[in-house]
N, C-alpha and C. Protein backbone atom coordinates (compact mmCIF):
# COMPACT_ATOMS: atom_id res chain seq x y z
N MET A 1 -16.42 -34.92 13.39
CA MET A 1 -15.37 -33.10 11.99
C MET A 1 -16.18 -32.04 12.62
N THR A 2 -14.68 -31.40 12.76
CA THR A 2 -15.31 -29.48 13.44
C THR A 2 -16.25 -29.22 11.89
N PRO A 3 -17.37 -28.00 12.55
CA PRO A 3 -17.88 -27.55 11.30
C PRO A 3 -17.12 -26.39 10.68
N LEU A 4 -17.52 -26.07 9.19
CA LEU A 4 -16.26 -25.38 8.67
C LEU A 4 -16.83 -24.16 9.14
N ARG A 5 -16.30 -23.31 9.42
CA ARG A 5 -16.61 -21.56 9.53
C ARG A 5 -15.96 -20.75 8.79
N LEU A 6 -16.35 -19.62 7.66
CA LEU A 6 -15.98 -19.11 7.36
C LEU A 6 -16.39 -17.57 8.19
N ASP A 7 -15.35 -16.75 7.83
CA ASP A 7 -15.26 -15.44 8.36
C ASP A 7 -16.34 -14.61 7.24
N PRO A 8 -17.56 -14.54 8.44
CA PRO A 8 -18.46 -13.55 7.85
C PRO A 8 -17.81 -11.80 7.02
N LEU A 9 -16.84 -11.61 8.05
CA LEU A 9 -16.02 -10.02 7.69
C LEU A 9 -15.45 -10.28 6.34
N VAL A 10 -14.93 -11.42 5.98
CA VAL A 10 -14.63 -11.81 4.75
C VAL A 10 -14.62 -12.67 3.96
N HIS A 11 -15.73 -13.38 4.03
CA HIS A 11 -17.13 -13.57 2.79
C HIS A 11 -17.83 -12.81 2.60
N GLU A 12 -18.13 -11.63 2.93
CA GLU A 12 -19.30 -10.90 1.86
C GLU A 12 -17.96 -10.17 0.82
N PRO A 13 -18.80 -10.62 -0.63
CA PRO A 13 -17.70 -10.10 -1.98
C PRO A 13 -17.50 -8.85 -1.92
N VAL A 14 -17.72 -7.69 -1.50
CA VAL A 14 -16.88 -6.57 -1.40
C VAL A 14 -15.39 -6.54 -0.56
N ARG A 15 -15.84 -7.23 0.63
CA ARG A 15 -14.95 -6.89 1.44
C ARG A 15 -13.71 -8.23 1.13
N LEU A 16 -14.47 -9.04 0.65
CA LEU A 16 -13.35 -10.26 0.07
C LEU A 16 -12.66 -9.61 -0.89
N MET A 17 -13.05 -8.90 -1.93
CA MET A 17 -12.53 -8.23 -2.98
C MET A 17 -10.88 -7.19 -2.51
N VAL A 18 -11.72 -6.50 -1.53
CA VAL A 18 -10.97 -5.34 -1.03
C VAL A 18 -9.50 -6.05 -0.37
N MET A 19 -9.77 -7.11 -0.09
CA MET A 19 -8.74 -7.85 1.24
C MET A 19 -8.40 -8.74 -0.04
N THR A 20 -8.34 -8.75 -0.75
CA THR A 20 -7.46 -9.53 -1.67
C THR A 20 -6.61 -8.38 -2.54
N MET A 21 -7.26 -7.95 -2.88
CA MET A 21 -6.43 -6.75 -3.71
C MET A 21 -5.59 -6.15 -2.34
N LEU A 22 -5.67 -5.76 -1.63
CA LEU A 22 -4.53 -5.47 -0.81
C LEU A 22 -3.74 -6.23 -0.36
N ALA A 23 -4.05 -7.26 -0.46
CA ALA A 23 -2.93 -8.38 -0.01
C ALA A 23 -2.09 -8.47 -1.05
N HIS A 24 -2.86 -8.41 -2.16
CA HIS A 24 -1.85 -8.99 -3.64
C HIS A 24 -0.99 -7.75 -3.73
N HIS A 25 -1.83 -6.16 -3.80
CA HIS A 25 -0.95 -4.74 -4.19
C HIS A 25 -0.38 -4.17 -2.97
N GLY A 26 -0.26 -4.51 -2.04
CA GLY A 26 0.14 -3.99 -0.78
C GLY A 26 -0.91 -2.91 -0.22
N ALA A 27 -0.22 -1.31 0.16
CA ALA A 27 -0.92 -0.15 0.41
C ALA A 27 -1.81 0.56 -0.93
N LEU A 28 -3.04 0.91 -0.84
CA LEU A 28 -3.39 1.24 -2.29
C LEU A 28 -4.64 2.28 -1.82
N ALA A 29 -4.59 3.64 -2.86
CA ALA A 29 -5.16 5.24 -2.40
C ALA A 29 -6.88 4.38 -2.64
N PHE A 30 -7.79 5.06 -1.95
CA PHE A 30 -8.75 4.22 -2.05
C PHE A 30 -9.29 5.05 -2.74
N ALA A 31 -9.34 5.58 -4.09
CA ALA A 31 -9.67 5.77 -5.50
C ALA A 31 -8.99 4.70 -6.18
N GLU A 32 -7.83 4.18 -6.04
CA GLU A 32 -7.24 3.47 -6.90
C GLU A 32 -8.23 1.77 -6.55
N LEU A 33 -8.32 1.43 -5.20
CA LEU A 33 -9.10 0.40 -5.11
C LEU A 33 -10.90 0.55 -5.41
N LYS A 34 -10.96 1.57 -5.10
CA LYS A 34 -12.22 1.89 -6.01
C LYS A 34 -12.44 1.23 -7.03
N ARG A 35 -11.85 1.82 -7.55
CA ARG A 35 -11.69 1.78 -9.39
C ARG A 35 -11.55 -0.30 -9.62
N LEU A 36 -10.86 -0.85 -8.87
CA LEU A 36 -10.29 -2.33 -8.48
C LEU A 36 -11.78 -3.11 -8.49
N VAL A 37 -12.08 -2.46 -7.47
CA VAL A 37 -13.01 -3.21 -6.69
C VAL A 37 -14.77 -3.40 -7.63
N GLY A 38 -14.90 -1.87 -7.89
CA GLY A 38 -16.18 -1.56 -9.08
C GLY A 38 -16.78 -1.18 -7.79
N ALA A 39 -16.62 -0.37 -6.71
CA ALA A 39 -17.71 0.15 -6.07
C ALA A 39 -17.53 1.48 -6.13
N SER A 40 -18.71 2.06 -5.59
CA SER A 40 -19.08 3.20 -5.21
C SER A 40 -18.30 3.56 -3.67
N ASP A 41 -18.36 5.35 -3.95
CA ASP A 41 -17.56 5.84 -2.74
C ASP A 41 -17.98 5.44 -1.75
N GLY A 42 -19.87 5.19 -1.14
CA GLY A 42 -20.03 5.06 0.27
C GLY A 42 -19.95 3.42 0.15
N ASN A 43 -20.28 2.76 -1.11
CA ASN A 43 -20.25 1.07 -0.45
C ASN A 43 -18.91 0.53 0.19
N LEU A 44 -17.88 1.36 -0.72
CA LEU A 44 -16.63 1.00 -0.31
C LEU A 44 -16.07 1.45 0.74
N GLY A 45 -16.74 2.57 1.18
CA GLY A 45 -15.94 3.42 2.36
C GLY A 45 -16.68 2.47 3.76
N ILE A 46 -18.20 1.81 3.41
CA ILE A 46 -19.26 0.96 4.71
C ILE A 46 -17.77 0.33 4.84
N HIS A 47 -17.33 -0.61 3.61
CA HIS A 47 -16.52 -1.91 4.13
C HIS A 47 -15.49 -2.02 4.42
N ALA A 48 -15.04 -0.68 4.05
CA ALA A 48 -13.52 -0.48 4.42
C ALA A 48 -13.28 -0.21 5.99
N ARG A 49 -14.48 0.56 6.45
CA ARG A 49 -14.86 1.10 7.72
C ARG A 49 -14.82 -0.40 8.55
N ARG A 50 -15.53 -1.42 8.22
CA ARG A 50 -15.92 -3.05 8.89
C ARG A 50 -14.83 -3.76 9.20
N LEU A 51 -13.77 -3.30 8.00
CA LEU A 51 -12.70 -4.32 8.21
C LEU A 51 -11.71 -3.71 8.72
N GLU A 52 -11.54 -2.38 8.75
CA GLU A 52 -10.53 -1.59 9.50
C GLU A 52 -11.03 -1.40 11.45
N ASP A 53 -12.58 -1.49 11.46
CA ASP A 53 -13.43 -1.65 12.78
C ASP A 53 -12.73 -2.96 13.59
N ALA A 54 -12.25 -4.10 12.46
CA ALA A 54 -12.05 -5.91 12.79
C ALA A 54 -10.28 -5.44 12.92
N GLY A 55 -9.69 -4.73 12.70
CA GLY A 55 -8.59 -4.80 12.59
C GLY A 55 -7.88 -5.35 11.66
N TYR A 56 -8.25 -6.15 10.44
CA TYR A 56 -8.56 -5.90 9.45
C TYR A 56 -7.48 -5.33 7.94
N VAL A 57 -7.86 -4.12 8.30
CA VAL A 57 -7.51 -3.22 7.62
C VAL A 57 -7.02 -1.78 8.39
N ARG A 58 -6.03 -1.40 7.71
CA ARG A 58 -5.11 -0.19 8.37
C ARG A 58 -5.53 1.43 7.37
N ALA A 59 -6.52 1.82 7.59
CA ALA A 59 -6.41 3.56 6.79
C ALA A 59 -5.60 4.75 7.43
N LYS A 60 -5.02 5.15 6.66
CA LYS A 60 -3.78 6.00 6.50
C LYS A 60 -4.30 7.24 5.93
N LYS A 61 -4.73 8.67 6.54
CA LYS A 61 -5.07 9.77 5.88
C LYS A 61 -4.18 10.72 5.62
N SER A 62 -3.96 11.16 4.83
CA SER A 62 -3.04 12.09 4.44
C SER A 62 -3.29 13.33 3.99
N PHE A 63 -2.52 14.48 3.70
CA PHE A 63 -3.16 15.59 2.13
C PHE A 63 -1.78 15.24 0.90
N VAL A 64 -2.19 15.14 -0.12
CA VAL A 64 -1.23 15.82 -1.10
C VAL A 64 -1.69 17.09 -1.43
N GLY A 65 -0.97 17.86 -1.23
CA GLY A 65 -1.33 19.30 -1.42
C GLY A 65 -2.46 19.96 -0.23
N ARG A 66 -3.63 20.22 -1.18
CA ARG A 66 -4.97 20.22 -0.25
C ARG A 66 -5.88 19.31 -0.64
N LEU A 67 -5.62 18.35 -1.34
CA LEU A 67 -6.87 17.30 -1.14
C LEU A 67 -6.27 16.49 -0.46
N PRO A 68 -7.39 15.43 0.15
CA PRO A 68 -7.15 14.71 1.15
C PRO A 68 -6.97 13.30 0.82
N ARG A 69 -6.36 12.40 0.87
CA ARG A 69 -5.83 11.11 0.47
C ARG A 69 -6.05 10.31 1.50
N THR A 70 -6.76 9.02 1.58
CA THR A 70 -6.81 8.04 2.44
C THR A 70 -5.90 6.65 1.11
N GLU A 71 -5.60 5.85 2.28
CA GLU A 71 -4.16 4.84 1.57
C GLU A 71 -4.98 3.92 2.70
N LEU A 72 -5.40 2.51 1.92
CA LEU A 72 -5.69 1.26 2.93
C LEU A 72 -4.45 0.18 2.79
N SER A 73 -4.70 -0.35 3.78
CA SER A 73 -3.51 -1.57 3.21
C SER A 73 -3.72 -2.75 4.44
N ILE A 74 -3.43 -3.80 4.24
CA ILE A 74 -3.96 -4.81 4.80
C ILE A 74 -3.03 -5.07 6.51
N THR A 75 -3.63 -5.60 7.07
CA THR A 75 -2.82 -5.58 8.75
C THR A 75 -2.25 -7.16 8.45
N PRO A 76 -1.57 -7.57 9.60
CA PRO A 76 -1.12 -8.89 9.40
C PRO A 76 -2.37 -9.82 10.21
N LYS A 77 -3.24 -9.48 11.21
CA LYS A 77 -4.29 -9.71 11.72
C LYS A 77 -5.43 -10.08 10.28
N GLY A 78 -5.60 -9.30 9.42
CA GLY A 78 -6.40 -9.27 7.75
C GLY A 78 -4.97 -10.54 7.09
N ARG A 79 -4.18 -10.25 6.62
CA ARG A 79 -3.62 -11.43 6.45
C ARG A 79 -3.84 -12.81 7.05
N SER A 80 -4.00 -12.77 8.11
CA SER A 80 -4.22 -14.59 8.57
C SER A 80 -5.52 -14.60 8.76
N ALA A 81 -6.52 -13.72 9.15
CA ALA A 81 -8.59 -14.05 8.54
C ALA A 81 -8.37 -14.17 6.95
N LEU A 82 -7.78 -13.83 6.12
CA LEU A 82 -7.49 -14.26 4.63
C LEU A 82 -7.19 -15.39 4.09
N ALA A 83 -5.83 -15.61 4.45
CA ALA A 83 -5.70 -17.31 4.82
C ALA A 83 -6.06 -18.02 5.20
N ARG A 84 -7.11 -17.87 6.53
CA ARG A 84 -7.81 -18.70 7.16
C ARG A 84 -9.07 -18.84 6.15
N TYR A 85 -9.52 -18.14 5.17
CA TYR A 85 -11.10 -17.76 5.09
C TYR A 85 -10.37 -18.54 3.45
N ALA A 86 -8.98 -18.82 2.96
CA ALA A 86 -8.84 -19.03 1.53
C ALA A 86 -8.66 -20.62 2.12
N ALA A 87 -8.39 -21.34 2.84
CA ALA A 87 -8.09 -22.36 3.43
C ALA A 87 -9.09 -23.11 3.39
N ALA A 88 -9.67 -22.42 4.25
CA ALA A 88 -11.65 -23.04 4.39
C ALA A 88 -12.10 -23.09 3.48
N MET A 89 -12.00 -21.95 2.08
CA MET A 89 -12.73 -22.43 0.80
C MET A 89 -12.08 -23.49 -0.17
N ARG A 90 -11.27 -23.67 0.15
CA ARG A 90 -9.55 -24.71 -0.42
C ARG A 90 -10.64 -26.23 -0.19
N THR A 91 -10.90 -26.91 1.01
CA THR A 91 -11.28 -27.44 1.87
C THR A 91 -13.15 -27.74 1.43
N LEU A 92 -13.65 -26.69 1.33
CA LEU A 92 -14.81 -26.74 1.09
C LEU A 92 -15.05 -26.80 -0.31
N LEU A 93 -14.17 -26.69 -1.41
CA LEU A 93 -14.52 -26.97 -2.51
C LEU A 93 -13.00 -27.88 -3.29
N GLY A 94 -13.19 -28.94 -1.92
CA GLY A 94 -11.67 -29.72 -2.68
C GLY A 94 -12.45 -30.96 -3.28
N GLY A 95 -13.86 -31.40 -3.19
CA GLY A 95 -14.28 -31.98 -3.89
C GLY A 95 -15.05 -32.14 -5.03
N THR A 96 -14.65 -30.51 -5.62
CA THR A 96 -15.23 -30.15 -6.68
C THR A 96 -14.42 -30.43 -7.99
């Protein structure tokens, strides 16, 4: 039997919530995602950057008037990673 592998980028709780929220809601403004996840600016920023560096999340920066706005969305690669993670968890928890 092949050992079960959980993607450590997705497995971290804040990143898992970010990926799940983006998969469910589509693109979200940073402030709204922060509210949904319950993270601080800095904490969410660090986790979003890790996901972006992995190609799981895309950040689009723009301005609304003079105010900066960052909108995050999950990429196809991120959706695949989340689906693999969910399948692995279902397998892991299948016996419970």
